[in-house]
Amino acid sequence: MSRKKELVREYKQRARQMGIYQVRNTVNGKILVGSSTDLPAILNRHRAGMRLGAHPNRGIREDLATFGPDAFAFEVVDTLPLPEDPAYDPTGDLRTLEAMWLDTLRPFGERGYNGRAPREA
């Protein structure tokens, strides 16, 4: 039992890959772009939501009913380097990186599942 606890502790302390991801519909090309401090976990959450038919994004739920879960690909788009400082807060860096990718990929309206495009200044 102690070995199991040790493995769980090591897993929790391991640095997670963080950055930008996309969920892409391979049939119609629509994408959802997001950011996370734990990319493997968020992609697993999206997969689980699709398997259960309970994805939080309405557009994805609708296309899931039409095309099925095999029509979606889960991809890491960009990553932040793993921090050397344990006190590092990636929130601002992730927000900036996500804004850059939203501007580049424009996953809004007919092109994607993200909400309305941010207003341009």
PDB file of N, CA and C in Angstrom:
ATOM      1  N   MET A   1       0.815  -1.195   0.000  1.00  0.00           N
ATOM      2  CA  MET A   1       0.000   0.000   0.000  1.00  0.00           C
ATOM      3  C   MET A   1       0.864   1.266   0.000  1.00  0.00           C
ATOM      4  N   SER A   2       1.992   1.240   0.667  1.00  0.00           N
ATOM      5  CA  SER A   2       2.838   2.429   0.730  1.00  0.00           C
ATOM      6  C   SER A   2       3.417   2.764  -0.654  1.00  0.00           C
ATOM      7  N   ARG A   3       3.692   1.757  -1.474  1.00  0.00           N
ATOM      8  CA  ARG A   3       4.197   2.005  -2.827  1.00  0.00           C
ATOM      9  C   ARG A   3       3.146   2.740  -3.656  1.00  0.00           C
ATOM     10  N   LYS A   4       1.893   2.351  -3.496  1.00  0.00           N
ATOM     11  CA  LYS A   4       0.807   3.002  -4.214  1.00  0.00           C
ATOM     12  C   LYS A   4       0.705   4.469  -3.784  1.00  0.00           C
ATOM     13  N   LYS A   5       0.787   4.733  -2.515  1.00  0.00           N
ATOM     14  CA  LYS A   5       0.729   6.109  -2.014  1.00  0.00           C
ATOM     15  C   LYS A   5       1.905   6.921  -2.540  1.00  0.00           C
ATOM     16  N   GLU A   6       3.056   6.310  -2.605  1.00  0.00           N
ATOM     17  CA  GLU A   6       4.245   6.986  -3.125  1.00  0.00           C
ATOM     18  C   GLU A   6       4.067   7.336  -4.595  1.00  0.00           C
ATOM     19  N   LEU A   7       3.512   6.417  -5.386  1.00  0.00           N
ATOM     20  CA  LEU A   7       3.272   6.676  -6.801  1.00  0.00           C
ATOM     21  C   LEU A   7       2.257   7.805  -6.995  1.00  0.00           C
ATOM     22  N   VAL A   8       1.210   7.822  -6.175  1.00  0.00           N
ATOM     23  CA  VAL A   8       0.210   8.873  -6.253  1.00  0.00           C
ATOM     24  C   VAL A   8       0.844  10.219  -5.908  1.00  0.00           C
ATOM     25  N   ARG A   9       1.658  10.257  -4.879  1.00  0.00           N
ATOM     26  CA  ARG A   9       2.330  11.491  -4.474  1.00  0.00           C
ATOM     27  C   ARG A   9       3.249  11.984  -5.586  1.00  0.00           C
ATOM     28  N   GLU A  10       4.024  11.083  -6.183  1.00  0.00           N
ATOM     29  CA  GLU A  10       4.911  11.456  -7.283  1.00  0.00           C
ATOM     30  C   GLU A  10       4.119  11.997  -8.472  1.00  0.00           C
ATOM     31  N   TYR A  11       2.996  11.373  -8.765  1.00  0.00           N
ATOM     32  CA  TYR A  11       2.160  11.817  -9.875  1.00  0.00           C
ATOM     33  C   TYR A  11       1.652  13.238  -9.624  1.00  0.00           C
ATOM     34  N   LYS A  12       1.188  13.497  -8.418  1.00  0.00           N
ATOM     35  CA  LYS A  12       0.658  14.819  -8.083  1.00  0.00           C
ATOM     36  C   LYS A  12       1.728  15.893  -8.107  1.00  0.00           C
ATOM     37  N   GLN A  13       2.963  15.540  -7.816  1.00  0.00           N
ATOM     38  CA  GLN A  13       4.044  16.515  -7.769  1.00  0.00           C
ATOM     39  C   GLN A  13       4.712  16.720  -9.135  1.00  0.00           C
ATOM     40  N   ARG A  14       4.450  15.850 -10.075  1.00  0.00           N
ATOM     41  CA  ARG A  14       5.071  15.935 -11.394  1.00  0.00           C
ATOM     42  C   ARG A  14       4.560  17.168 -12.131  1.00  0.00           C
ATOM     43  N   ALA A  15       5.468  17.872 -12.781  1.00  0.00           N
ATOM     44  CA  ALA A  15       5.088  19.052 -13.552  1.00  0.00           C
ATOM     45  C   ALA A  15       4.253  18.613 -14.753  1.00  0.00           C
ATOM     46  N   ARG A  16       3.169  19.307 -14.985  1.00  0.00           N
ATOM     47  CA  ARG A  16       2.272  18.981 -16.081  1.00  0.00           C
ATOM     48  C   ARG A  16       2.565  19.881 -17.283  1.00  0.00           C
ATOM     49  N   GLN A  17       2.387  19.346 -18.470  1.00  0.00           N
ATOM     50  CA  GLN A  17       2.536  20.132 -19.691  1.00  0.00           C
ATOM     51  C   GLN A  17       1.386  21.128 -19.744  1.00  0.00           C
ATOM     52  N   MET A  18       1.710  22.404 -19.950  1.00  0.00           N
ATOM     53  CA  MET A  18       0.672  23.429 -20.017  1.00  0.00           C
ATOM     54  C   MET A  18       0.791  24.203 -21.321  1.00  0.00           C
ATOM     55  N   GLY A  19      -0.356  24.690 -21.782  1.00  0.00           N
ATOM     56  CA  GLY A  19      -0.339  25.438 -23.020  1.00  0.00           C
ATOM     57  C   GLY A  19      -1.698  25.502 -23.680  1.00  0.00           C
ATOM     58  N   ILE A  20      -1.682  25.484 -25.006  1.00  0.00           N
ATOM     59  CA  ILE A  20      -2.881  25.672 -25.824  1.00  0.00           C
ATOM     60  C   ILE A  20      -3.232  24.354 -26.526  1.00  0.00           C
ATOM     61  N   TYR A  21      -4.527  24.066 -26.578  1.00  0.00           N
ATOM     62  CA  TYR A  21      -5.001  22.843 -27.231  1.00  0.00           C
ATOM     63  C   TYR A  21      -6.135  23.195 -28.183  1.00  0.00           C
ATOM     64  N   GLN A  22      -6.442  22.233 -29.053  1.00  0.00           N
ATOM     65  CA  GLN A  22      -7.636  22.366 -29.877  1.00  0.00           C
ATOM     66  C   GLN A  22      -8.342  21.023 -29.964  1.00  0.00           C
ATOM     67  N   VAL A  23      -9.659  21.111 -30.015  1.00  0.00           N
ATOM     68  CA  VAL A  23     -10.500  19.963 -30.314  1.00  0.00           C
ATOM     69  C   VAL A  23     -10.999  20.244 -31.719  1.00  0.00           C
ATOM     70  N   ARG A  24     -10.668  19.350 -32.657  1.00  0.00           N
ATOM     71  CA  ARG A  24     -10.961  19.592 -34.073  1.00  0.00           C
ATOM     72  C   ARG A  24     -11.926  18.550 -34.616  1.00  0.00           C
ATOM     73  N   ASN A  25     -12.978  19.036 -35.261  1.00  0.00           N
ATOM     74  CA  ASN A  25     -13.920  18.167 -35.950  1.00  0.00           C
ATOM     75  C   ASN A  25     -13.307  17.846 -37.307  1.00  0.00           C
ATOM     76  N   THR A  26     -12.968  16.589 -37.526  1.00  0.00           N
ATOM     77  CA  THR A  26     -12.283  16.192 -38.756  1.00  0.00           C
ATOM     78  C   THR A  26     -13.224  16.137 -39.966  1.00  0.00           C
ATOM     79  N   VAL A  27     -14.531  16.231 -39.726  1.00  0.00           N
ATOM     80  CA  VAL A  27     -15.496  16.190 -40.824  1.00  0.00           C
ATOM     81  C   VAL A  27     -15.747  17.594 -41.374  1.00  0.00           C
ATOM     82  N   ASN A  28     -16.053  18.547 -40.489  1.00  0.00           N
ATOM     83  CA  ASN A  28     -16.396  19.888 -40.970  1.00  0.00           C
ATOM     84  C   ASN A  28     -15.305  20.935 -40.701  1.00  0.00           C
ATOM     85  N   GLY A  29     -14.231  20.551 -40.040  1.00  0.00           N
ATOM     86  CA  GLY A  29     -13.106  21.454 -39.820  1.00  0.00           C
ATOM     87  C   GLY A  29     -13.251  22.436 -38.680  1.00  0.00           C
ATOM     88  N   LYS A  30     -14.371  22.436 -37.979  1.00  0.00           N
ATOM     89  CA  LYS A  30     -14.555  23.360 -36.862  1.00  0.00           C
ATOM     90  C   LYS A  30     -13.609  22.986 -35.720  1.00  0.00           C
ATOM     91  N   ILE A  31     -13.164  24.017 -34.978  1.00  0.00           N
ATOM     92  CA  ILE A  31     -12.266  23.766 -33.860  1.00  0.00           C
ATOM     93  C   ILE A  31     -12.708  24.526 -32.618  1.00  0.00           C
ATOM     94  N   LEU A  32     -12.298  23.998 -31.488  1.00  0.00           N
ATOM     95  CA  LEU A  32     -12.420  24.661 -30.197  1.00  0.00           C
ATOM     96  C   LEU A  32     -11.000  24.862 -29.698  1.00  0.00           C
ATOM     97  N   VAL A  33     -10.637  26.087 -29.356  1.00  0.00           N
ATOM     98  CA  VAL A  33      -9.299  26.399 -28.871  1.00  0.00           C
ATOM     99  C   VAL A  33      -9.406  26.776 -27.405  1.00  0.00           C
ATOM    100  N   GLY A  34      -8.488  26.251 -26.593  1.00  0.00           N
ATOM    101  CA  GLY A  34      -8.479  26.582 -25.175  1.00  0.00           C
ATOM    102  C   GLY A  34      -7.087  26.475 -24.601  1.00  0.00           C
ATOM    103  N   SER A  35      -6.970  26.822 -23.325  1.00  0.00           N
ATOM    104  CA  SER A  35      -5.679  26.739 -22.643  1.00  0.00           C
ATOM    105  C   SER A  35      -5.863  25.976 -21.337  1.00  0.00           C
ATOM    106  N   SER A  36      -4.759  25.420 -20.843  1.00  0.00           N
ATOM    107  CA  SER A  36      -4.818  24.671 -19.595  1.00  0.00           C
ATOM    108  C   SER A  36      -3.439  24.577 -18.974  1.00  0.00           C
ATOM    109  N   THR A  37      -3.422  24.498 -17.656  1.00  0.00           N
ATOM    110  CA  THR A  37      -2.174  24.249 -16.944  1.00  0.00           C
ATOM    111  C   THR A  37      -1.874  22.757 -16.898  1.00  0.00           C
ATOM    112  N   ASP A  38      -2.793  21.931 -17.395  1.00  0.00           N
ATOM    113  CA  ASP A  38      -2.606  20.481 -17.441  1.00  0.00           C
ATOM    114  C   ASP A  38      -3.228  19.959 -18.732  1.00  0.00           C
ATOM    115  N   LEU A  39      -2.470  20.013 -19.818  1.00  0.00           N
ATOM    116  CA  LEU A  39      -3.002  19.626 -21.127  1.00  0.00           C
ATOM    117  C   LEU A  39      -3.514  18.191 -21.186  1.00  0.00           C
ATOM    118  N   PRO A  40      -2.781  17.201 -20.671  1.00  0.00           N
ATOM    119  CA  PRO A  40      -3.332  15.846 -20.735  1.00  0.00           C
ATOM    120  C   PRO A  40      -4.675  15.716 -20.017  1.00  0.00           C
ATOM    121  N   ALA A  41      -4.823  16.386 -18.890  1.00  0.00           N
ATOM    122  CA  ALA A  41      -6.076  16.290 -18.134  1.00  0.00           C
ATOM    123  C   ALA A  41      -7.238  16.940 -18.875  1.00  0.00           C
ATOM    124  N   ILE A  42      -7.022  18.127 -19.453  1.00  0.00           N
ATOM    125  CA  ILE A  42      -8.129  18.801 -20.142  1.00  0.00           C
ATOM    126  C   ILE A  42      -8.540  18.032 -21.394  1.00  0.00           C
ATOM    127  N   LEU A  43      -7.587  17.462 -22.110  1.00  0.00           N
ATOM    128  CA  LEU A  43      -7.947  16.680 -23.296  1.00  0.00           C
ATOM    129  C   LEU A  43      -8.699  15.418 -22.907  1.00  0.00           C
ATOM    130  N   ASN A  44      -8.310  14.797 -21.796  1.00  0.00           N
ATOM    131  CA  ASN A  44      -9.060  13.639 -21.294  1.00  0.00           C
ATOM    132  C   ASN A  44     -10.469  14.042 -20.879  1.00  0.00           C
ATOM    133  N   ARG A  45     -10.615  15.236 -20.301  1.00  0.00           N
ATOM    134  CA  ARG A  45     -11.940  15.718 -19.895  1.00  0.00           C
ATOM    135  C   ARG A  45     -12.824  15.900 -21.128  1.00  0.00           C
ATOM    136  N   HIS A  46     -12.267  16.451 -22.203  1.00  0.00           N
ATOM    137  CA  HIS A  46     -13.042  16.610 -23.439  1.00  0.00           C
ATOM    138  C   HIS A  46     -13.449  15.240 -23.994  1.00  0.00           C
ATOM    139  N   ARG A  47     -12.517  14.297 -24.010  1.00  0.00           N
ATOM    140  CA  ARG A  47     -12.835  12.948 -24.509  1.00  0.00           C
ATOM    141  C   ARG A  47     -13.941  12.303 -23.674  1.00  0.00           C
ATOM    142  N   ALA A  48     -13.833  12.422 -22.359  1.00  0.00           N
ATOM    143  CA  ALA A  48     -14.840  11.823 -21.472  1.00  0.00           C
ATOM    144  C   ALA A  48     -16.205  12.461 -21.695  1.00  0.00           C
ATOM    145  N   GLY A  49     -16.240  13.773 -21.837  1.00  0.00           N
ATOM    146  CA  GLY A  49     -17.508  14.451 -22.092  1.00  0.00           C
ATOM    147  C   GLY A  49     -18.157  13.971 -23.371  1.00  0.00           C
ATOM    148  N   MET A  50     -17.335  13.704 -24.370  1.00  0.00           N
ATOM    149  CA  MET A  50     -17.876  13.209 -25.637  1.00  0.00           C
ATOM    150  C   MET A  50     -18.379  11.778 -25.507  1.00  0.00           C
ATOM    151  N   ARG A  51     -17.615  10.949 -24.799  1.00  0.00           N
ATOM    152  CA  ARG A  51     -18.052   9.553 -24.603  1.00  0.00           C
ATOM    153  C   ARG A  51     -19.392   9.502 -23.883  1.00  0.00           C
ATOM    154  N   LEU A  52     -19.586  10.422 -22.942  1.00  0.00           N
ATOM    155  CA  LEU A  52     -20.819  10.449 -22.163  1.00  0.00           C
ATOM    156  C   LEU A  52     -21.930  11.241 -22.844  1.00  0.00           C
ATOM    157  N   GLY A  53     -21.615  11.905 -23.952  1.00  0.00           N
ATOM    158  CA  GLY A  53     -22.607  12.728 -24.634  1.00  0.00           C
ATOM    159  C   GLY A  53     -22.971  13.966 -23.839  1.00  0.00           C
ATOM    160  N   ALA A  54     -22.077  14.393 -22.957  1.00  0.00           N
ATOM    161  CA  ALA A  54     -22.375  15.520 -22.072  1.00  0.00           C
ATOM    162  C   ALA A  54     -21.290  16.588 -22.156  1.00  0.00           C
ATOM    163  N   HIS A  55     -20.793  16.862 -23.341  1.00  0.00           N
ATOM    164  CA  HIS A  55     -19.764  17.881 -23.489  1.00  0.00           C
ATOM    165  C   HIS A  55     -20.365  19.242 -23.157  1.00  0.00           C
ATOM    166  N   PRO A  56     -19.630  20.106 -22.454  1.00  0.00           N
ATOM    167  CA  PRO A  56     -20.194  21.395 -22.058  1.00  0.00           C
ATOM    168  C   PRO A  56     -20.442  22.376 -23.212  1.00  0.00           C
ATOM    169  N   ASN A  57     -19.812  22.172 -24.361  1.00  0.00           N
ATOM    170  CA  ASN A  57     -19.982  23.080 -25.488  1.00  0.00           C
ATOM    171  C   ASN A  57     -21.159  22.618 -26.350  1.00  0.00           C
ATOM    172  N   ARG A  58     -22.159  23.479 -26.500  1.00  0.00           N
ATOM    173  CA  ARG A  58     -23.378  23.111 -27.226  1.00  0.00           C
ATOM    174  C   ARG A  58     -23.099  22.737 -28.682  1.00  0.00           C
ATOM    175  N   GLY A  59     -22.247  23.494 -29.364  1.00  0.00           N
ATOM    176  CA  GLY A  59     -21.926  23.193 -30.760  1.00  0.00           C
ATOM    177  C   GLY A  59     -21.274  21.832 -30.912  1.00  0.00           C
ATOM    178  N   ILE A  60     -20.372  21.513 -29.997  1.00  0.00           N
ATOM    179  CA  ILE A  60     -19.724  20.193 -30.035  1.00  0.00           C
ATOM    180  C   ILE A  60     -20.752  19.101 -29.756  1.00  0.00           C
ATOM    181  N   ARG A  61     -21.642  19.312 -28.786  1.00  0.00           N
ATOM    182  CA  ARG A  61     -22.690  18.311 -28.509  1.00  0.00           C
ATOM    183  C   ARG A  61     -23.532  18.047 -29.750  1.00  0.00           C
ATOM    184  N   GLU A  62     -23.898  19.121 -30.455  1.00  0.00           N
ATOM    185  CA  GLU A  62     -24.722  18.962 -31.659  1.00  0.00           C
ATOM    186  C   GLU A  62     -23.972  18.182 -32.740  1.00  0.00           C
ATOM    187  N   ASP A  63     -22.701  18.536 -32.960  1.00  0.00           N
ATOM    188  CA  ASP A  63     -21.919  17.817 -33.972  1.00  0.00           C
ATOM    189  C   ASP A  63     -21.573  16.403 -33.520  1.00  0.00           C
ATOM    190  N   LEU A  64     -21.456  16.207 -32.242  1.00  0.00           N
ATOM    191  CA  LEU A  64     -21.215  14.870 -31.704  1.00  0.00           C
ATOM    192  C   LEU A  64     -22.405  13.964 -32.027  1.00  0.00           C
ATOM    193  N   ALA A  65     -23.617  14.494 -31.893  1.00  0.00           N
ATOM    194  CA  ALA A  65     -24.819  13.716 -32.214  1.00  0.00           C
ATOM    195  C   ALA A  65     -24.885  13.401 -33.709  1.00  0.00           C
ATOM    196  N   THR A  66     -24.386  14.305 -34.531  1.00  0.00           N
ATOM    197  CA  THR A  66     -24.417  14.111 -35.984  1.00  0.00           C
ATOM    198  C   THR A  66     -23.290  13.211 -36.479  1.00  0.00           C
ATOM    199  N   PHE A  67     -22.068  13.475 -36.016  1.00  0.00           N
ATOM    200  CA  PHE A  67     -20.892  12.805 -36.577  1.00  0.00           C
ATOM    201  C   PHE A  67     -20.298  11.709 -35.694  1.00  0.00           C
ATOM    202  N   GLY A  68     -20.620  11.707 -34.409  1.00  0.00           N
ATOM    203  CA  GLY A  68     -20.064  10.715 -33.491  1.00  0.00           C
ATOM    204  C   GLY A  68     -18.708  11.130 -32.946  1.00  0.00           C
ATOM    205  N   PRO A  69     -18.269  10.479 -31.882  1.00  0.00           N
ATOM    206  CA  PRO A  69     -17.024  10.871 -31.215  1.00  0.00           C
ATOM    207  C   PRO A  69     -15.764  10.635 -32.051  1.00  0.00           C
ATOM    208  N   ASP A  70     -15.810   9.709 -33.006  1.00  0.00           N
ATOM    209  CA  ASP A  70     -14.617   9.433 -33.814  1.00  0.00           C
ATOM    210  C   ASP A  70     -14.307  10.558 -34.797  1.00  0.00           C
ATOM    211  N   ALA A  71     -15.212  11.524 -34.926  1.00  0.00           N
ATOM    212  CA  ALA A  71     -14.998  12.640 -35.845  1.00  0.00           C
ATOM    213  C   ALA A  71     -14.158  13.754 -35.217  1.00  0.00           C
ATOM    214  N   PHE A  72     -13.718  13.565 -33.975  1.00  0.00           N
ATOM    215  CA  PHE A  72     -12.988  14.624 -33.284  1.00  0.00           C
ATOM    216  C   PHE A  72     -11.553  14.208 -32.978  1.00  0.00           C
ATOM    217  N   ALA A  73     -10.639  15.151 -33.198  1.00  0.00           N
ATOM    218  CA  ALA A  73      -9.224  14.949 -32.879  1.00  0.00           C
ATOM    219  C   ALA A  73      -8.849  15.940 -31.775  1.00  0.00           C
ATOM    220  N   PHE A  74      -7.935  15.526 -30.922  1.00  0.00           N
ATOM    221  CA  PHE A  74      -7.505  16.324 -29.774  1.00  0.00           C
ATOM    222  C   PHE A  74      -6.021  16.599 -29.927  1.00  0.00           C
ATOM    223  N   GLU A  75      -5.659  17.885 -30.006  1.00  0.00           N
ATOM    224  CA  GLU A  75      -4.285  18.233 -30.356  1.00  0.00           C
ATOM    225  C   GLU A  75      -3.731  19.335 -29.465  1.00  0.00           C
ATOM    226  N   VAL A  76      -2.458  19.207 -29.138  1.00  0.00           N
ATOM    227  CA  VAL A  76      -1.731  20.264 -28.449  1.00  0.00           C
ATOM    228  C   VAL A  76      -1.216  21.204 -29.523  1.00  0.00           C
ATOM    229  N   VAL A  77      -1.521  22.484 -29.400  1.00  0.00           N
ATOM    230  CA  VAL A  77      -1.137  23.483 -30.398  1.00  0.00           C
ATOM    231  C   VAL A  77       0.178  24.159 -30.028  1.00  0.00           C
ATOM    232  N   ASP A  78       0.346  24.471 -28.745  1.00  0.00           N
ATOM    233  CA  ASP A  78       1.534  25.201 -28.295  1.00  0.00           C
ATOM    234  C   ASP A  78       1.702  24.928 -26.805  1.00  0.00           C
ATOM    235  N   THR A  79       2.921  24.973 -26.332  1.00  0.00           N
ATOM    236  CA  THR A  79       3.168  24.735 -24.914  1.00  0.00           C
ATOM    237  C   THR A  79       4.027  25.838 -24.314  1.00  0.00           C
ATOM    238  N   LEU A  80       3.889  25.996 -23.010  1.00  0.00           N
ATOM    239  CA  LEU A  80       4.780  26.867 -22.251  1.00  0.00           C
ATOM    240  C   LEU A  80       5.892  25.989 -21.700  1.00  0.00           C
ATOM    241  N   PRO A  81       7.103  26.526 -21.597  1.00  0.00           N
ATOM    242  CA  PRO A  81       8.179  25.728 -20.998  1.00  0.00           C
ATOM    243  C   PRO A  81       7.858  25.418 -19.537  1.00  0.00           C
ATOM    244  N   LEU A  82       8.297  24.251 -19.089  1.00  0.00           N
ATOM    245  CA  LEU A  82       8.077  23.895 -17.689  1.00  0.00           C
ATOM    246  C   LEU A  82       8.855  24.867 -16.810  1.00  0.00           C
ATOM    247  N   PRO A  83       8.193  25.411 -15.800  1.00  0.00           N
ATOM    248  CA  PRO A  83       8.852  26.420 -14.964  1.00  0.00           C
ATOM    249  C   PRO A  83       9.895  25.811 -14.036  1.00  0.00           C
ATOM    250  N   GLU A  84      10.967  26.567 -13.824  1.00  0.00           N
ATOM    251  CA  GLU A  84      11.967  26.159 -12.839  1.00  0.00           C
ATOM    252  C   GLU A  84      11.556  26.641 -11.461  1.00  0.00           C
ATOM    253  N   ASP A  85      10.838  27.752 -11.411  1.00  0.00           N
ATOM    254  CA  ASP A  85      10.385  28.334 -10.151  1.00  0.00           C
ATOM    255  C   ASP A  85       9.040  27.717  -9.766  1.00  0.00           C
ATOM    256  N   PRO A  86       8.958  27.012  -8.625  1.00  0.00           N
ATOM    257  CA  PRO A  86       7.689  26.391  -8.228  1.00  0.00           C
ATOM    258  C   PRO A  86       6.591  27.413  -7.928  1.00  0.00           C
ATOM    259  N   ALA A  87       6.948  28.662  -7.698  1.00  0.00           N
ATOM    260  CA  ALA A  87       5.954  29.690  -7.399  1.00  0.00           C
ATOM    261  C   ALA A  87       5.428  30.372  -8.667  1.00  0.00           C
ATOM    262  N   TYR A  88       5.920  29.965  -9.830  1.00  0.00           N
ATOM    263  CA  TYR A  88       5.505  30.569 -11.099  1.00  0.00           C
ATOM    264  C   TYR A  88       4.008  30.408 -11.306  1.00  0.00           C
ATOM    265  N   ASP A  89       3.343  31.503 -11.659  1.00  0.00           N
ATOM    266  CA  ASP A  89       1.917  31.487 -11.978  1.00  0.00           C
ATOM    267  C   ASP A  89       1.762  31.683 -13.483  1.00  0.00           C
ATOM    268  N   PRO A  90       1.336  30.662 -14.208  1.00  0.00           N
ATOM    269  CA  PRO A  90       1.277  30.745 -15.668  1.00  0.00           C
ATOM    270  C   PRO A  90       0.034  31.447 -16.210  1.00  0.00           C
ATOM    271  N   THR A  91      -0.842  31.915 -15.350  1.00  0.00           N
ATOM    272  CA  THR A  91      -2.128  32.466 -15.790  1.00  0.00           C
ATOM    273  C   THR A  91      -1.979  33.536 -16.859  1.00  0.00           C
ATOM    274  N   GLY A  92      -1.159  34.542 -16.625  1.00  0.00           N
ATOM    275  CA  GLY A  92      -0.991  35.623 -17.593  1.00  0.00           C
ATOM    276  C   GLY A  92      -0.384  35.146 -18.892  1.00  0.00           C
ATOM    277  N   ASP A  93       0.626  34.293 -18.792  1.00  0.00           N
ATOM    278  CA  ASP A  93       1.268  33.772 -20.004  1.00  0.00           C
ATOM    279  C   ASP A  93       0.297  32.923 -20.820  1.00  0.00           C
ATOM    280  N   LEU A  94      -0.500  32.100 -20.148  1.00  0.00           N
ATOM    281  CA  LEU A  94      -1.486  31.277 -20.861  1.00  0.00           C
ATOM    282  C   LEU A  94      -2.545  32.153 -21.527  1.00  0.00           C
ATOM    283  N   ARG A  95      -2.991  33.188 -20.840  1.00  0.00           N
ATOM    284  CA  ARG A  95      -3.998  34.093 -21.396  1.00  0.00           C
ATOM    285  C   ARG A  95      -3.466  34.766 -22.670  1.00  0.00           C
ATOM    286  N   THR A  96      -2.215  35.227 -22.617  1.00  0.00           N
ATOM    287  CA  THR A  96      -1.604  35.876 -23.783  1.00  0.00           C
ATOM    288  C   THR A  96      -1.435  34.895 -24.942  1.00  0.00           C
ATOM    289  N   LEU A  97      -0.946  33.702 -24.639  1.00  0.00           N
ATOM    290  CA  LEU A  97      -0.744  32.684 -25.669  1.00  0.00           C
ATOM    291  C   LEU A  97      -2.073  32.261 -26.299  1.00  0.00           C
ATOM    292  N   GLU A  98      -3.091  32.107 -25.458  1.00  0.00           N
ATOM    293  CA  GLU A  98      -4.414  31.730 -25.972  1.00  0.00           C
ATOM    294  C   GLU A  98      -4.975  32.835 -26.869  1.00  0.00           C
ATOM    295  N   ALA A  99      -4.831  34.090 -26.463  1.00  0.00           N
ATOM    296  CA  ALA A  99      -5.320  35.208 -27.286  1.00  0.00           C
ATOM    297  C   ALA A  99      -4.623  35.209 -28.643  1.00  0.00           C
ATOM    298  N   MET A 100      -3.326  34.920 -28.648  1.00  0.00           N
ATOM    299  CA  MET A 100      -2.579  34.873 -29.898  1.00  0.00           C
ATOM    300  C   MET A 100      -3.140  33.776 -30.815  1.00  0.00           C
ATOM    301  N   TRP A 101      -3.390  32.593 -30.262  1.00  0.00           N
ATOM    302  CA  TRP A 101      -3.894  31.487 -31.076  1.00  0.00           C
ATOM    303  C   TRP A 101      -5.343  31.707 -31.501  1.00  0.00           C
ATOM    304  N   LEU A 102      -6.146  32.343 -30.649  1.00  0.00           N
ATOM    305  CA  LEU A 102      -7.520  32.669 -31.050  1.00  0.00           C
ATOM    306  C   LEU A 102      -7.501  33.644 -32.224  1.00  0.00           C
ATOM    307  N   ASP A 103      -6.588  34.602 -32.175  1.00  0.00           N
ATOM    308  CA  ASP A 103      -6.457  35.567 -33.264  1.00  0.00           C
ATOM    309  C   ASP A 103      -5.961  34.887 -34.541  1.00  0.00           C
ATOM    310  N   THR A 104      -5.069  33.928 -34.407  1.00  0.00           N
ATOM    311  CA  THR A 104      -4.519  33.223 -35.567  1.00  0.00           C
ATOM    312  C   THR A 104      -5.526  32.247 -36.177  1.00  0.00           C
ATOM    313  N   LEU A 105      -6.167  31.440 -35.347  1.00  0.00           N
ATOM    314  CA  LEU A 105      -7.046  30.375 -35.848  1.00  0.00           C
ATOM    315  C   LEU A 105      -8.493  30.817 -36.067  1.00  0.00           C
ATOM    316  N   ARG A 106      -8.924  31.877 -35.377  1.00  0.00           N
ATOM    317  CA  ARG A 106     -10.277  32.444 -35.519  1.00  0.00           C
ATOM    318  C   ARG A 106     -11.370  31.370 -35.441  1.00  0.00           C
ATOM    319  N   PRO A 107     -11.448  30.626 -34.339  1.00  0.00           N
ATOM    320  CA  PRO A 107     -12.423  29.532 -34.234  1.00  0.00           C
ATOM    321  C   PRO A 107     -13.813  29.999 -33.804  1.00  0.00           C
ATOM    322  N   PHE A 108     -14.358  30.982 -34.515  1.00  0.00           N
ATOM    323  CA  PHE A 108     -15.637  31.582 -34.152  1.00  0.00           C
ATOM    324  C   PHE A 108     -16.648  31.378 -35.269  1.00  0.00           C
ATOM    325  N   GLY A 109     -17.906  31.394 -34.925  1.00  0.00           N
ATOM    326  CA  GLY A 109     -18.967  31.276 -35.926  1.00  0.00           C
ATOM    327  C   GLY A 109     -18.884  29.977 -36.687  1.00  0.00           C
ATOM    328  N   GLU A 110     -18.869  30.074 -38.008  1.00  0.00           N
ATOM    329  CA  GLU A 110     -18.837  28.883 -38.858  1.00  0.00           C
ATOM    330  C   GLU A 110     -17.501  28.144 -38.804  1.00  0.00           C
ATOM    331  N   ARG A 111     -16.466  28.799 -38.277  1.00  0.00           N
ATOM    332  CA  ARG A 111     -15.130  28.192 -38.242  1.00  0.00           C
ATOM    333  C   ARG A 111     -14.854  27.413 -36.966  1.00  0.00           C
ATOM    334  N   GLY A 112     -15.682  27.604 -35.947  1.00  0.00           N
ATOM    335  CA  GLY A 112     -15.338  26.929 -34.710  1.00  0.00           C
ATOM    336  C   GLY A 112     -16.406  26.945 -33.644  1.00  0.00           C
ATOM    337  N   TYR A 113     -15.988  26.459 -32.491  1.00  0.00           N
ATOM    338  CA  TYR A 113     -16.886  26.278 -31.365  1.00  0.00           C
ATOM    339  C   TYR A 113     -16.672  27.303 -30.254  1.00  0.00           C
ATOM    340  N   ASN A 114     -15.676  28.174 -30.392  1.00  0.00           N
ATOM    341  CA  ASN A 114     -15.457  29.181 -29.375  1.00  0.00           C
ATOM    342  C   ASN A 114     -16.561  30.236 -29.454  1.00  0.00           C
ATOM    343  N   GLY A 115     -16.731  30.957 -28.356  1.00  0.00           N
ATOM    344  CA  GLY A 115     -17.723  32.029 -28.331  1.00  0.00           C
ATOM    345  C   GLY A 115     -17.373  33.141 -29.299  1.00  0.00           C
ATOM    346  N   ARG A 116     -18.045  34.223 -29.173  1.00  0.00           N
ATOM    347  CA  ARG A 116     -17.844  35.362 -30.064  1.00  0.00           C
ATOM    348  C   ARG A 116     -16.408  35.841 -30.070  1.00  0.00           C
ATOM    349  N   ALA A 117     -15.937  36.257 -31.216  1.00  0.00           N
ATOM    350  CA  ALA A 117     -14.576  36.779 -31.346  1.00  0.00           C
ATOM    351  C   ALA A 117     -14.444  38.040 -30.508  1.00  0.00           C
ATOM    352  N   PRO A 118     -13.270  38.227 -29.897  1.00  0.00           N
ATOM    353  CA  PRO A 118     -13.063  39.454 -29.134  1.00  0.00           C
ATOM    354  C   PRO A 118     -13.140  40.674 -30.050  1.00  0.00           C
ATOM    355  N   ARG A 119     -13.645  41.773 -29.500  1.00  0.00           N
ATOM    356  CA  ARG A 119     -13.746  43.004 -30.286  1.00  0.00           C
ATOM    357  C   ARG A 119     -12.374  43.563 -30.570  1.00  0.00           C
ATOM    358  N   GLU A 120     -12.205  44.052 -31.763  1.00  0.00           N
ATOM    359  CA  GLU A 120     -10.919  44.648 -32.136  1.00  0.00           C
ATOM    360  C   GLU A 120     -10.918  46.095 -31.713  1.00  0.00           C
ATOM    361  N   ALA A 121      -9.752  46.580 -31.300  1.00  0.00           N
ATOM    362  CA  ALA A 121      -9.635  47.962 -30.805  1.00  0.00           C
ATOM    363  C   ALA A 121      -9.655  48.940 -31.938  1.00  0.00           C
TER     364      ALA A 121
END
